[in-house]
Amino acid sequence: MEDIKRMQMQLDKHAAQIGKLFSKIDDTNAKIQKIFNILNQIRYFIYGGLAYFIASEFGIFNLLRLVQW
């Protein structure tokens, strides 16, 4: 009978530990998603800067000014 109680206590302890682990996994996934979103913002910021640089180097802005007149 004592063995059954001990096993039940261990089972309860393991269940609690598994619950904490899944909670930490959810938190980690949320943090990874935030990092991914920040990296996407950085990537598109760089794309915009590159597009602006290319447009200014090839004189596309001057062409747009001529077309506007």
Protein backbone atom coordinates (compact mmCIF):
# COMPACT_ATOMS: atom_id res chain seq x y z
CA MET A 1 0.00 0.00 0.00
CA GLU A 2 2.90 2.34 0.79
CA ASP A 3 4.38 1.70 -2.67
CA ILE A 4 1.14 2.74 -4.33
CA LYS A 5 1.06 6.02 -2.39
CA ARG A 6 4.69 6.70 -3.27
CA MET A 7 4.04 5.98 -6.94
CA GLN A 8 0.99 8.23 -6.88
CA MET A 9 3.03 11.06 -5.37
CA GLN A 10 5.70 10.62 -8.04
CA LEU A 11 3.04 10.58 -10.73
CA ASP A 12 1.53 13.81 -9.39
CA LYS A 13 4.97 15.41 -9.23
CA HIS A 14 5.73 14.37 -12.81
CA ALA A 15 2.39 15.70 -14.01
CA ALA A 16 3.14 19.07 -12.41
CA GLN A 17 6.61 19.16 -13.96
CA ILE A 18 5.20 18.33 -17.39
CA GLY A 19 2.67 21.14 -17.02
CA LYS A 20 5.44 23.61 -16.17
CA LEU A 21 7.48 22.39 -19.13
CA PHE A 22 4.62 22.94 -21.58
CA SER A 23 4.11 26.41 -20.13
CA LYS A 24 7.78 27.23 -20.70
CA ILE A 25 7.56 25.86 -24.25
CA ASP A 26 4.62 28.16 -24.98
CA ASP A 27 6.53 31.16 -23.58
CA THR A 28 9.60 30.24 -25.62
CA ASN A 29 7.53 29.91 -28.80
CA ALA A 30 6.00 33.34 -28.20
CA LYS A 31 9.44 34.88 -27.74
CA ILE A 32 10.74 33.18 -30.89
CA GLN A 33 7.76 34.58 -32.81
CA LYS A 34 8.56 38.09 -31.56
CA ILE A 35 12.19 37.69 -32.65
CA PHE A 36 11.01 36.46 -36.06
CA ASN A 37 8.76 39.51 -36.46
CA ILE A 38 11.61 41.87 -35.55
CA LEU A 39 13.90 40.18 -38.07
CA ASN A 40 11.21 40.56 -40.76
CA GLN A 41 10.97 44.28 -39.98
CA ILE A 42 14.74 44.63 -40.25
CA ARG A 43 14.75 42.73 -43.55
CA TYR A 44 12.09 44.94 -45.13
CA PHE A 45 13.79 48.07 -43.81
CA ILE A 46 16.97 46.95 -45.57
CA TYR A 47 15.02 46.17 -48.77
CA GLY A 48 13.54 49.67 -48.68
CA GLY A 49 16.94 51.25 -48.19
CA LEU A 50 18.39 49.20 -51.03
CA ALA A 51 15.51 50.17 -53.32
CA TYR A 52 16.00 53.85 -52.44
CA PHE A 53 19.74 53.58 -53.09
CA ILE A 54 19.21 51.91 -56.47
CA ALA A 55 16.57 54.45 -57.44
CA SER A 56 18.82 57.35 -56.52
CA GLU A 57 21.85 55.85 -58.28
CA PHE A 58 20.04 55.31 -61.56
CA GLY A 59 18.38 58.70 -61.51
CA ILE A 60 14.85 57.35 -61.31
CA PHE A 61 13.92 60.25 -59.05
CA ASN A 62 15.05 62.70 -61.74
CA LEU A 63 13.01 60.83 -64.32
CA LEU A 64 9.96 61.04 -62.06
CA ARG A 65 10.47 64.80 -61.70
CA LEU A 66 10.60 65.18 -65.48
CA VAL A 67 7.45 63.12 -65.96
CA GLN A 68 5.65 65.17 -63.33
CA TRP A 69 6.25 68.44 -65.25
